[in-house]
Amino acid sequence: MKKNLFTVCVAFFLALIFIFTGCKKSEQTGGILRCIRGTFPNVLGYPPEMAPGDFMFSLPYSEKLCVWDEDGNQIPELAESWDVDPEKKTITWHLRKGVKFHDGTDFNAEAAKWNFQLLIDNRRLLDQDLLKSVEAVDDYTLRMNLKELTCVSVMNYGWSIMLSPTAFEKNGGKEWARKNAVGTGPYVLTEFKRDTVVRYVKNNNYWREGYPLLDGIEMRFIPDPNTASMMMEKKDADIWMDTADVKYILELEKKGLKVVWGPGMFWSLLPDSSDPKSPFAKKQVREALEYAIDRPAIAKAIGLGQFEPLTQMAPLCSPAYNKGFNPRPYDPEKAKALLAEAGYPDGFSTRIMALDLNKDIVTALQNYLGKAGIKVEMDIADMGRYFGAIFATGWKDLMLAASGINPDATGMFVHYGSRPMTFRTGTFAKSKEFLDICEKALHTYRTDDVRKELRKAVKKGSEDAMIIPLYRSAQANVMQDYVHSDYMKIHGVTWYAYKDWMEKH
């Protein structure tokens, strides 16, 4: 009797362990992770010429001094730690020892300095005008002397990828580096065929003991979503990366595939309000646009329930989001009244510039704005004209644009602040009060205090109707049930590829 009771107790105890550990499966090693993507790189190993999309493909082979965690904090990667001195305006990086590039050469302070200098020489280092000098104090200490220190200095400098100077110089420089790269990451870049395939193999000398878990990664260029979806159904691919087509995501999820949702993109209409002759120079007109658009309806229709409608300049997942703040919800009569108040009782005509793949969004906006009296012409631009307008020439009337959502809310600086990286043409006006808040946030160093100021910036920008927020879209990785990866959960530029693994299948 006692023996039977003991057996029952042990079985019950083991069952509790199984339940409360979430039935977690043990990591397994081996296998080639077959990935498909709808975008592909042009340049893979020469940072001065790499576009944002190109850097996504550097994530398996390269590493940075620091990266984001899930809460938006900067955590060490190739740096073990760093010291920030606001009085002396310095950042001192204490680099990880024992790390080697894939060619067997050492990652050290001189190598890090070389990487920064390459960007500086080509005018591609973020905030390089705020940097006085970079010095290798000793083999594993790098110091940056700044003219100005901000709360994003660590991120702007620490997020530069580190590549082997020896491999670069030995193999002929940038011509070779456009298609080749030697980093410190968990996987070694072995093949790059433009618009076809990128292959990586396991780095057997990786500095994280016991990692990576896969034998390699293969990425194939599949731009057609129908083809990509069928490949996933037939198990001809293990993971479909960074897809934004919600219809296919939900269909595959119903069929048993796993989905890891990312933060998506912040979509908005950007007015040419800096032009005093533009109707959008008047705040009432910009407010009228917001009241005229049924953002929940558009988000539901286009996003199939996965998009988040927005009336403020931050999504719910952002630390800069203001709870209970809902400026200018849908009210078409209010929109008409504001247009009349602004001197447009019969409305006016305007244009929305967009890419061809966003025609459905513009069509929906045409419908709502037309009901308020604003006649909208669709201006479909090719990639060159569209991104040229965003980054260089500016635009007339309205621009339909998307911007990334940083987990630490620093997107406010990157896209809309006083020294933006993205929308830097000055086409839409910013109030002095908004810019003052952004500057105060930039020169605040405690994380909680920075985020408090950013919430103020979001509120002020929304009160100003500086831009017209529409919705937060959804992006996801769709994977077979045997694949284990958190990629896209934090942001498209953060991939802990060394942790990814597959069950035997």
Protein backbone atom coordinates (compact mmCIF):
# COMPACT_ATOMS: atom_id res chain seq x y z
CA MET A 1 0.00 0.00 0.00
CA LYS A 2 2.80 2.41 0.96
CA LYS A 3 4.68 1.55 -2.24
CA ASN A 4 1.61 2.27 -4.39
CA LEU A 5 1.03 5.56 -2.55
CA PHE A 6 4.65 6.56 -3.14
CA THR A 7 4.35 5.76 -6.86
CA VAL A 8 1.17 7.81 -7.17
CA CYS A 9 2.80 10.80 -5.40
CA VAL A 10 5.86 10.70 -7.64
CA ALA A 11 3.68 10.53 -10.76
CA PHE A 12 1.58 13.46 -9.53
CA PHE A 13 4.70 15.51 -8.76
CA LEU A 14 6.17 14.83 -12.20
CA ALA A 15 2.87 15.80 -13.81
CA LEU A 16 2.90 19.13 -11.97
CA ILE A 17 6.42 19.83 -13.17
CA PHE A 18 5.36 19.04 -16.73
CA ILE A 19 2.37 21.39 -16.49
CA PHE A 20 4.06 24.34 -14.77
CA THR A 21 7.13 24.33 -17.02
CA GLY A 22 4.78 24.85 -19.94
CA CYS A 23 5.67 21.49 -21.49
CA LYS A 24 8.80 23.18 -22.81
CA LYS A 25 10.68 21.15 -25.36
CA SER A 26 14.43 20.73 -25.12
CA GLU A 27 16.56 22.56 -27.65
CA GLN A 28 17.89 20.36 -30.42
CA THR A 29 20.86 20.94 -32.70
CA GLY A 30 21.32 20.53 -36.41
CA GLY A 31 19.44 21.22 -39.61
CA ILE A 32 19.41 23.97 -42.23
CA LEU A 33 16.71 26.58 -41.59
CA ARG A 34 15.10 27.24 -44.99
CA CYS A 35 13.84 30.83 -45.06
CA ILE A 36 11.92 32.73 -47.73
CA ARG A 37 11.62 36.51 -47.97
CA GLY A 38 9.83 38.95 -50.24
CA THR A 39 12.72 41.41 -50.23
CA PHE A 40 16.40 40.79 -50.92
CA PRO A 41 19.66 42.70 -50.42
CA ASN A 42 21.64 44.58 -53.04
CA VAL A 43 24.75 45.02 -50.90
CA LEU A 44 25.57 42.52 -48.19
CA GLY A 45 28.90 43.46 -46.58
CA TYR A 46 29.76 47.11 -47.24
CA PRO A 47 27.93 49.21 -44.62
CA PRO A 48 28.41 52.62 -46.30
CA GLU A 49 26.23 51.42 -49.20
CA MET A 50 23.80 49.17 -47.31
CA ALA A 51 20.13 50.15 -47.22
CA PRO A 52 17.94 49.39 -44.16
CA GLY A 53 16.64 46.23 -45.83
CA ASP A 54 20.18 45.03 -46.55
CA PHE A 55 21.06 45.09 -42.86
CA MET A 56 18.34 42.48 -42.15
CA PHE A 57 20.49 39.97 -44.03
CA SER A 58 23.59 40.84 -42.03
CA LEU A 59 21.97 39.70 -38.75
CA PRO A 60 23.09 36.04 -38.88
CA TYR A 61 26.76 36.83 -39.64
CA SER A 62 27.35 40.18 -37.91
CA GLU A 63 27.08 41.63 -34.42
CA LYS A 64 27.04 45.05 -32.77
CA LEU A 65 28.38 46.50 -29.54
CA CYS A 66 24.84 46.48 -28.10
CA VAL A 67 21.30 45.50 -29.07
CA TRP A 68 17.70 45.79 -27.81
CA ASP A 69 16.01 43.42 -25.42
CA GLU A 70 12.23 42.91 -25.37
CA ASP A 71 11.68 45.90 -23.08
CA GLY A 72 13.60 48.27 -25.33
CA ASN A 73 16.71 48.39 -23.15
CA GLN A 74 20.19 48.41 -24.64
CA ILE A 75 21.98 45.20 -23.65
CA PRO A 76 25.60 44.16 -24.30
CA GLU A 77 26.63 42.09 -27.30
CA LEU A 78 30.23 42.64 -28.49
CA ALA A 79 30.70 45.12 -25.66
CA GLU A 80 30.57 43.65 -22.16
CA SER A 81 29.59 47.05 -20.76
CA TRP A 82 29.97 50.79 -21.31
CA ASP A 83 30.39 53.93 -19.23
CA VAL A 84 28.68 57.19 -20.13
CA ASP A 85 30.09 60.42 -18.68
CA PRO A 86 27.68 63.34 -19.33
CA GLU A 87 30.17 65.90 -17.95
CA LYS A 88 33.15 64.81 -20.04
CA LYS A 89 30.83 63.83 -22.91
CA THR A 90 32.42 60.44 -23.42
CA ILE A 91 31.27 56.88 -24.01
CA THR A 92 33.80 54.24 -22.99
CA TRP A 93 33.15 50.77 -24.42
CA HIS A 94 34.58 47.75 -22.61
CA LEU A 95 34.82 45.14 -25.34
CA ARG A 96 34.30 41.42 -24.97
CA LYS A 97 37.55 39.46 -24.89
CA GLY A 98 38.20 36.26 -26.83
CA VAL A 99 35.90 37.10 -29.75
CA LYS A 100 37.23 36.33 -33.22
CA PHE A 101 36.06 37.21 -36.69
CA HIS A 102 35.24 34.33 -39.00
CA ASP A 103 38.69 34.64 -40.61
CA GLY A 104 40.35 33.92 -37.25
CA THR A 105 41.48 37.50 -36.56
CA ASP A 106 40.73 39.20 -33.24
CA PHE A 107 37.84 41.50 -32.57
CA ASN A 108 39.39 44.27 -30.48
CA ALA A 109 39.42 48.04 -30.03
CA GLU A 110 41.48 48.67 -33.17
CA ALA A 111 39.05 46.61 -35.25
CA ALA A 112 36.07 48.47 -33.77
CA LYS A 113 37.76 51.81 -34.42
CA TRP A 114 38.38 50.80 -38.05
CA ASN A 115 34.68 50.01 -38.52
CA PHE A 116 33.63 53.38 -37.14
CA GLN A 117 36.18 55.19 -39.30
CA LEU A 118 34.86 53.45 -42.42
CA LEU A 119 31.41 54.89 -41.71
CA ILE A 120 32.78 58.31 -40.79
CA ASP A 121 34.82 58.54 -44.01
CA ASN A 122 31.69 57.82 -46.02
CA ARG A 123 29.36 60.07 -43.98
CA ARG A 124 27.25 57.10 -42.85
CA LEU A 125 27.70 57.07 -39.06
CA LEU A 126 24.62 58.26 -37.20
CA ASP A 127 25.29 61.51 -35.31
CA GLN A 128 28.85 61.62 -36.60
CA ASP A 129 28.77 65.43 -36.50
CA LEU A 130 28.47 65.13 -32.72
CA LEU A 131 31.61 62.99 -32.53
CA LYS A 132 35.07 64.50 -31.94
CA SER A 133 37.20 61.37 -32.04
CA VAL A 134 37.36 57.61 -31.50
CA GLU A 135 40.38 56.19 -29.69
CA ALA A 136 41.57 52.71 -28.79
CA VAL A 137 42.61 53.15 -25.15
CA ASP A 138 43.93 49.58 -24.97
CA ASP A 139 43.20 46.28 -26.71
CA TYR A 140 39.69 46.02 -25.31
CA THR A 141 38.71 49.59 -24.44
CA LEU A 142 37.33 52.05 -26.98
CA ARG A 143 36.55 55.64 -26.08
CA MET A 144 34.36 58.09 -27.98
CA ASN A 145 34.86 61.78 -27.30
CA LEU A 146 31.76 63.76 -28.19
CA LYS A 147 30.84 67.36 -28.84
CA GLU A 148 27.35 66.54 -27.61
CA LEU A 149 26.00 63.54 -25.71
CA THR A 150 22.35 62.52 -26.04
CA CYS A 151 20.19 59.72 -24.67
CA VAL A 152 20.43 57.92 -28.03
CA SER A 153 24.20 58.22 -28.44
CA VAL A 154 24.81 54.68 -27.13
CA MET A 155 22.29 53.25 -29.59
CA ASN A 156 23.37 55.37 -32.57
CA TYR A 157 27.01 54.35 -32.21
CA GLY A 158 26.61 50.93 -30.61
CA TRP A 159 24.37 49.61 -33.38
CA SER A 160 27.08 49.71 -36.06
CA ILE A 161 27.89 46.22 -37.32
CA MET A 162 31.46 45.02 -36.80
CA LEU A 163 33.33 43.45 -39.75
CA SER A 164 36.88 42.13 -40.17
CA PRO A 165 39.27 44.89 -41.32
CA THR A 166 41.78 42.24 -42.37
CA ALA A 167 39.31 40.42 -44.65
CA PHE A 168 38.15 43.71 -46.16
CA GLU A 169 41.64 44.93 -47.01
CA LYS A 170 43.04 41.53 -48.01
CA ASN A 171 40.28 40.88 -50.55
CA GLY A 172 40.17 44.20 -52.36
CA GLY A 173 37.91 46.43 -50.30
CA LYS A 174 34.41 47.57 -51.16
CA GLU A 175 34.07 45.75 -54.51
CA TRP A 176 34.55 42.43 -52.71
CA ALA A 177 32.55 43.53 -49.65
CA ARG A 178 29.41 44.27 -51.65
CA LYS A 179 28.87 40.50 -51.99
CA ASN A 180 30.97 39.16 -49.11
CA ALA A 181 31.36 39.77 -45.40
CA VAL A 182 33.33 38.46 -42.45
CA GLY A 183 31.79 39.15 -39.06
CA THR A 184 31.72 37.66 -35.56
CA GLY A 185 28.18 36.28 -35.64
CA PRO A 186 26.83 32.78 -35.05
CA TYR A 187 26.76 32.02 -38.77
CA VAL A 188 29.34 32.47 -41.55
CA LEU A 189 28.24 33.98 -44.86
CA THR A 190 29.17 31.50 -47.60
CA GLU A 191 27.11 32.45 -50.67
CA PHE A 192 25.22 35.43 -52.02
CA LYS A 193 23.44 35.36 -55.38
CA ARG A 194 21.44 38.53 -55.87
CA ASP A 195 17.67 37.95 -56.18
CA THR A 196 18.21 34.23 -55.64
CA VAL A 197 19.80 32.93 -52.43
CA VAL A 198 21.93 33.80 -49.40
CA ARG A 199 23.55 30.95 -47.46
CA TYR A 200 25.16 30.87 -44.03
CA VAL A 201 26.82 27.97 -42.19
CA LYS A 202 27.40 27.39 -38.49
CA ASN A 203 30.31 29.27 -36.89
CA ASN A 204 32.07 26.48 -34.98
CA ASN A 205 34.21 29.02 -33.11
CA TYR A 206 31.36 31.21 -31.88
CA TRP A 207 32.05 32.98 -28.59
CA ARG A 208 28.74 31.96 -26.99
CA GLU A 209 29.43 28.47 -25.70
CA GLY A 210 27.02 25.84 -26.99
CA TYR A 211 25.69 28.02 -29.80
CA PRO A 212 24.51 28.31 -32.52
CA LEU A 213 22.08 25.41 -32.62
CA LEU A 214 21.44 25.13 -36.37
CA ASP A 215 23.91 23.80 -38.95
CA GLY A 216 23.07 26.71 -41.22
CA ILE A 217 20.53 29.13 -42.68
CA GLU A 218 19.38 29.47 -46.28
CA MET A 219 17.38 32.47 -47.48
CA ARG A 220 15.58 32.43 -50.82
CA PHE A 221 13.98 35.36 -52.63
CA ILE A 222 10.27 34.68 -53.16
CA PRO A 223 8.56 38.01 -53.92
CA ASP A 224 5.17 36.53 -54.88
CA PRO A 225 3.06 35.91 -51.73
CA ASN A 226 0.99 33.19 -53.44
CA THR A 227 4.15 31.23 -54.20
CA ALA A 228 5.49 31.82 -50.70
CA SER A 229 2.25 30.68 -49.11
CA MET A 230 2.15 27.48 -51.19
CA MET A 231 5.76 26.73 -50.27
CA MET A 232 4.88 26.97 -46.60
CA GLU A 233 1.83 24.72 -47.05
CA LYS A 234 3.91 22.09 -48.85
CA LYS A 235 6.71 22.40 -46.26
CA ASP A 236 9.14 23.45 -48.99
CA ALA A 237 10.25 26.19 -46.59
CA ASP A 238 10.60 26.31 -42.82
CA ILE A 239 9.93 30.00 -42.19
CA TRP A 240 8.42 32.89 -44.18
CA MET A 241 10.11 35.99 -42.87
CA ASP A 242 8.79 39.50 -42.42
CA THR A 243 5.55 39.06 -44.31
CA ALA A 244 3.04 41.90 -43.99
CA ASP A 245 0.15 40.31 -45.92
CA VAL A 246 -2.27 39.52 -43.11
CA LYS A 247 -4.57 37.42 -45.31
CA TYR A 248 -1.85 34.83 -45.94
CA ILE A 249 -0.65 34.93 -42.34
CA LEU A 250 -4.09 34.15 -40.95
CA GLU A 251 -4.80 31.47 -43.55
CA LEU A 252 -1.57 29.66 -42.73
CA GLU A 253 -2.18 30.03 -39.01
CA LYS A 254 -5.56 28.30 -39.42
CA LYS A 255 -3.74 25.45 -41.17
CA GLY A 256 -1.55 24.85 -38.12
CA LEU A 257 1.53 26.95 -38.82
CA LYS A 258 3.03 29.07 -36.03
CA VAL A 259 3.09 32.85 -36.19
CA VAL A 260 5.40 35.29 -34.39
CA TRP A 261 3.93 38.77 -34.66
CA GLY A 262 6.24 41.78 -34.77
CA PRO A 263 5.45 45.39 -33.88
CA GLY A 264 4.63 46.28 -37.48
CA MET A 265 4.90 49.80 -38.90
CA PHE A 266 3.43 53.17 -37.94
CA TRP A 267 1.36 54.42 -40.91
CA SER A 268 0.40 58.04 -41.32
CA LEU A 269 -0.38 60.84 -43.75
CA LEU A 270 2.32 63.52 -43.86
CA PRO A 271 1.17 66.99 -44.98
CA ASP A 272 3.21 69.66 -46.75
CA SER A 273 2.33 72.05 -43.92
CA SER A 274 5.61 73.98 -44.09
CA ASP A 275 4.38 75.58 -47.32
CA PRO A 276 2.31 78.64 -46.30
CA LYS A 277 0.34 78.38 -49.58
CA SER A 278 -0.76 74.81 -48.81
CA PRO A 279 -4.21 74.19 -47.29
CA PHE A 280 -2.41 71.92 -44.79
CA ALA A 281 -0.55 74.88 -43.32
CA LYS A 282 -3.81 75.53 -41.46
CA LYS A 283 -4.27 73.42 -38.35
CA GLN A 284 -8.04 73.24 -38.86
CA VAL A 285 -7.52 71.47 -42.19
CA ARG A 286 -5.17 68.90 -40.67
CA GLU A 287 -7.64 68.37 -37.84
CA ALA A 288 -10.43 67.98 -40.39
CA LEU A 289 -8.50 65.17 -42.08
CA GLU A 290 -8.29 63.28 -38.81
CA TYR A 291 -11.99 63.68 -38.04
CA ALA A 292 -12.92 62.68 -41.61
CA ILE A 293 -11.14 59.31 -41.56
CA ASP A 294 -12.73 56.31 -39.84
CA ARG A 295 -9.44 54.81 -38.73
CA PRO A 296 -10.90 51.80 -36.87
CA ALA A 297 -12.86 50.85 -40.01
CA ILE A 298 -9.81 51.19 -42.28
CA ALA A 299 -7.59 49.26 -39.88
CA LYS A 300 -10.16 46.46 -39.65
CA ALA A 301 -10.76 46.28 -43.39
CA ILE A 302 -7.14 46.33 -44.48
CA GLY A 303 -5.63 44.55 -41.49
CA LEU A 304 -8.38 41.93 -41.02
CA GLY A 305 -8.51 42.72 -37.32
CA GLN A 306 -4.73 42.65 -36.79
CA PHE A 307 -4.04 46.38 -37.27
CA GLU A 308 -4.34 48.91 -34.45
CA PRO A 309 -6.14 52.18 -35.35
CA LEU A 310 -4.31 55.25 -34.06
CA THR A 311 -5.27 58.80 -33.16
CA GLN A 312 -1.98 59.62 -31.44
CA MET A 313 1.61 59.41 -32.65
CA ALA A 314 2.44 56.18 -30.85
CA PRO A 315 0.94 52.68 -30.72
CA LEU A 316 -0.23 50.95 -27.57
CA CYS A 317 2.98 48.85 -27.42
CA SER A 318 5.20 51.95 -27.21
CA PRO A 319 6.52 53.38 -23.91
CA ALA A 320 5.58 56.77 -25.38
CA TYR A 321 1.88 55.91 -25.63
CA ASN A 322 -0.48 58.15 -23.62
CA LYS A 323 -3.21 56.09 -21.96
CA GLY A 324 -6.68 57.60 -22.24
CA PHE A 325 -5.58 60.13 -24.87
CA ASN A 326 -7.78 59.91 -27.98
CA PRO A 327 -7.62 63.14 -29.97
CA ARG A 328 -9.97 63.63 -32.90
CA PRO A 329 -11.84 60.33 -33.31
CA TYR A 330 -14.07 59.82 -36.36
CA ASP A 331 -16.59 62.67 -36.70
CA PRO A 332 -17.39 63.64 -40.33
CA GLU A 333 -19.63 66.56 -39.36
CA LYS A 334 -16.84 68.02 -37.24
CA ALA A 335 -14.51 67.62 -40.24
CA LYS A 336 -16.84 69.64 -42.47
CA ALA A 337 -17.21 72.35 -39.84
CA LEU A 338 -13.45 72.70 -39.48
CA LEU A 339 -12.98 72.95 -43.25
CA ALA A 340 -15.56 75.73 -43.39
CA GLU A 341 -13.83 77.47 -40.48
CA ALA A 342 -10.52 77.24 -42.38
CA GLY A 343 -12.05 78.87 -45.47
CA TYR A 344 -12.90 75.72 -47.46
CA PRO A 345 -16.68 75.31 -47.09
CA ASP A 346 -16.80 73.44 -50.42
CA GLY A 347 -13.63 71.50 -49.77
CA PHE A 348 -10.60 71.42 -52.09
CA SER A 349 -8.56 69.06 -54.26
CA THR A 350 -5.31 67.41 -53.22
CA ARG A 351 -3.04 64.42 -53.93
CA ILE A 352 -1.71 61.52 -51.92
CA MET A 353 1.67 60.13 -53.00
CA ALA A 354 2.04 56.42 -52.35
CA LEU A 355 3.62 53.24 -53.67
CA ASP A 356 1.67 50.94 -55.98
CA LEU A 357 1.35 48.24 -53.32
CA ASN A 358 -0.60 50.68 -51.11
CA LYS A 359 -3.34 51.55 -53.59
CA ASP A 360 -6.02 49.97 -51.41
CA ILE A 361 -5.15 52.25 -48.51
CA VAL A 362 -5.34 55.37 -50.70
CA THR A 363 -8.65 54.19 -52.14
CA ALA A 364 -10.12 53.96 -48.64
CA LEU A 365 -8.78 57.41 -47.78
CA GLN A 366 -10.24 58.84 -51.00
CA ASN A 367 -13.65 57.59 -49.95
CA TYR A 368 -13.63 59.11 -46.47
CA LEU A 369 -12.01 62.42 -47.42
CA GLY A 370 -14.31 62.75 -50.42
CA LYS A 371 -17.35 62.61 -48.13
CA ALA A 372 -15.92 65.59 -46.23
CA GLY A 373 -15.41 67.54 -49.46
CA ILE A 374 -11.71 66.85 -50.02
CA LYS A 375 -11.21 65.39 -53.49
CA VAL A 376 -8.11 63.18 -53.56
CA GLU A 377 -6.05 62.24 -56.60
CA MET A 378 -3.94 59.11 -56.26
CA ASP A 379 -0.26 59.82 -57.09
CA ILE A 380 1.43 56.43 -57.49
CA ALA A 381 5.21 56.81 -57.48
CA ASP A 382 7.97 54.37 -58.29
CA MET A 383 10.48 53.51 -55.55
CA GLY A 384 13.01 56.11 -56.71
CA ARG A 385 10.61 59.06 -56.76
CA TYR A 386 8.87 57.99 -53.56
CA PHE A 387 11.94 57.55 -51.38
CA GLY A 388 13.63 60.51 -53.06
CA ALA A 389 10.72 62.66 -51.87
CA ILE A 390 10.95 61.28 -48.31
CA PHE A 391 14.71 61.62 -47.93
CA ALA A 392 15.71 64.46 -50.26
CA THR A 393 13.30 66.60 -52.28
CA GLY A 394 10.17 66.71 -50.12
CA TRP A 395 6.65 66.47 -51.55
CA LYS A 396 3.49 68.43 -52.31
CA ASP A 397 0.12 67.83 -50.64
CA LEU A 398 0.09 64.48 -48.75
CA MET A 399 2.44 61.52 -48.42
CA LEU A 400 1.29 58.08 -47.26
CA ALA A 401 4.26 56.80 -45.27
CA ALA A 402 5.30 54.10 -42.85
CA SER A 403 7.96 54.30 -40.16
CA GLY A 404 9.49 51.69 -37.88
CA ILE A 405 8.38 51.22 -34.27
CA ASN A 406 11.33 51.07 -31.88
CA PRO A 407 10.66 49.19 -28.63
CA ASP A 408 12.24 52.01 -26.62
CA ALA A 409 10.15 54.74 -28.35
CA THR A 410 13.26 56.38 -29.85
CA GLY A 411 11.45 56.36 -33.19
CA MET A 412 10.19 59.78 -32.11
CA PHE A 413 13.75 61.10 -32.56
CA VAL A 414 14.56 59.00 -35.62
CA HIS A 415 11.49 60.02 -37.61
CA TYR A 416 10.05 63.23 -36.20
CA GLY A 417 12.53 64.97 -33.91
CA SER A 418 14.72 68.00 -34.42
CA ARG A 419 17.41 65.97 -36.23
CA PRO A 420 15.48 63.11 -37.85
CA MET A 421 17.05 60.34 -39.89
CA THR A 422 13.93 59.52 -41.92
CA PHE A 423 11.59 62.44 -42.68
CA ARG A 424 14.31 65.05 -42.78
CA THR A 425 13.16 67.30 -45.64
CA GLY A 426 11.24 69.68 -43.39
CA THR A 427 8.08 69.28 -45.50
CA PHE A 428 5.75 69.05 -42.51
CA ALA A 429 5.92 71.81 -39.90
CA LYS A 430 6.89 71.21 -36.28
CA SER A 431 6.00 73.59 -33.47
CA LYS A 432 8.70 75.08 -31.28
CA GLU A 433 7.04 73.50 -28.26
CA PHE A 434 7.22 70.04 -29.84
CA LEU A 435 10.88 70.47 -30.79
CA ASP A 436 11.74 71.80 -27.32
CA ILE A 437 10.25 68.67 -25.73
CA CYS A 438 12.23 66.46 -28.12
CA GLU A 439 15.45 68.31 -27.30
CA LYS A 440 14.81 67.99 -23.58
CA ALA A 441 14.21 64.26 -24.02
CA LEU A 442 17.43 63.92 -26.03
CA HIS A 443 19.42 65.40 -23.17
CA THR A 444 17.76 63.35 -20.43
CA TYR A 445 19.62 60.19 -19.49
CA ARG A 446 17.47 58.15 -17.08
CA THR A 447 15.30 55.76 -19.11
CA ASP A 448 12.09 56.49 -17.18
CA ASP A 449 12.62 60.25 -17.54
CA VAL A 450 13.30 59.96 -21.28
CA ARG A 451 10.10 58.01 -21.80
CA LYS A 452 8.14 60.54 -19.74
CA GLU A 453 9.36 63.32 -22.04
CA LEU A 454 8.60 61.24 -25.13
CA ARG A 455 5.01 60.82 -23.95
CA LYS A 456 4.82 64.61 -23.77
CA ALA A 457 6.22 64.83 -27.31
CA VAL A 458 3.64 62.38 -28.61
CA LYS A 459 0.85 64.33 -26.94
CA LYS A 460 2.09 67.69 -28.22
CA GLY A 461 2.62 66.40 -31.77
CA SER A 462 -0.89 64.96 -31.74
CA GLU A 463 -2.39 68.14 -30.33
CA ASP A 464 -0.65 70.08 -33.11
CA ALA A 465 -2.06 67.68 -35.72
CA MET A 466 1.54 67.63 -36.95
CA ILE A 467 0.86 64.46 -38.92
CA ILE A 468 -2.25 62.34 -39.40
CA PRO A 469 -1.80 58.95 -37.66
CA LEU A 470 -3.70 56.08 -39.31
CA TYR A 471 -2.81 52.71 -37.80
CA ARG A 472 -0.12 50.30 -36.67
CA SER A 473 0.21 47.54 -39.23
CA ALA A 474 1.26 43.98 -38.50
CA GLN A 475 4.30 42.03 -39.65
CA ALA A 476 5.03 38.44 -38.82
CA ASN A 477 7.18 35.40 -39.31
CA VAL A 478 5.17 32.34 -40.27
CA MET A 479 6.90 29.07 -39.46
CA GLN A 480 6.40 25.34 -39.43
CA ASP A 481 5.39 23.87 -36.06
CA TYR A 482 8.84 22.34 -35.60
CA VAL A 483 10.66 25.70 -35.86
CA HIS A 484 11.55 27.69 -32.73
CA SER A 485 12.41 31.36 -33.24
CA ASP A 486 11.43 34.69 -31.70
CA TYR A 487 12.57 36.72 -34.69
CA MET A 488 10.35 39.74 -35.41
CA LYS A 489 9.00 39.80 -31.85
CA ILE A 490 11.15 42.78 -30.82
CA HIS A 491 11.85 44.46 -34.17
CA GLY A 492 12.96 43.41 -37.62
CA VAL A 493 16.52 44.52 -36.85
CA THR A 494 16.83 42.33 -33.73
CA TRP A 495 17.32 38.61 -34.36
CA TYR A 496 18.90 36.31 -31.80
CA ALA A 497 19.68 33.81 -34.58
CA TYR A 498 22.04 31.80 -32.38
CA LYS A 499 19.05 30.66 -30.30
CA ASP A 500 16.93 29.39 -33.20
CA TRP A 501 16.43 25.64 -33.50
CA MET A 502 14.29 22.98 -35.11
CA GLU A 503 12.79 19.78 -33.83
CA LYS A 504 13.64 16.67 -35.80
CA HIS A 505 11.24 16.40 -38.71
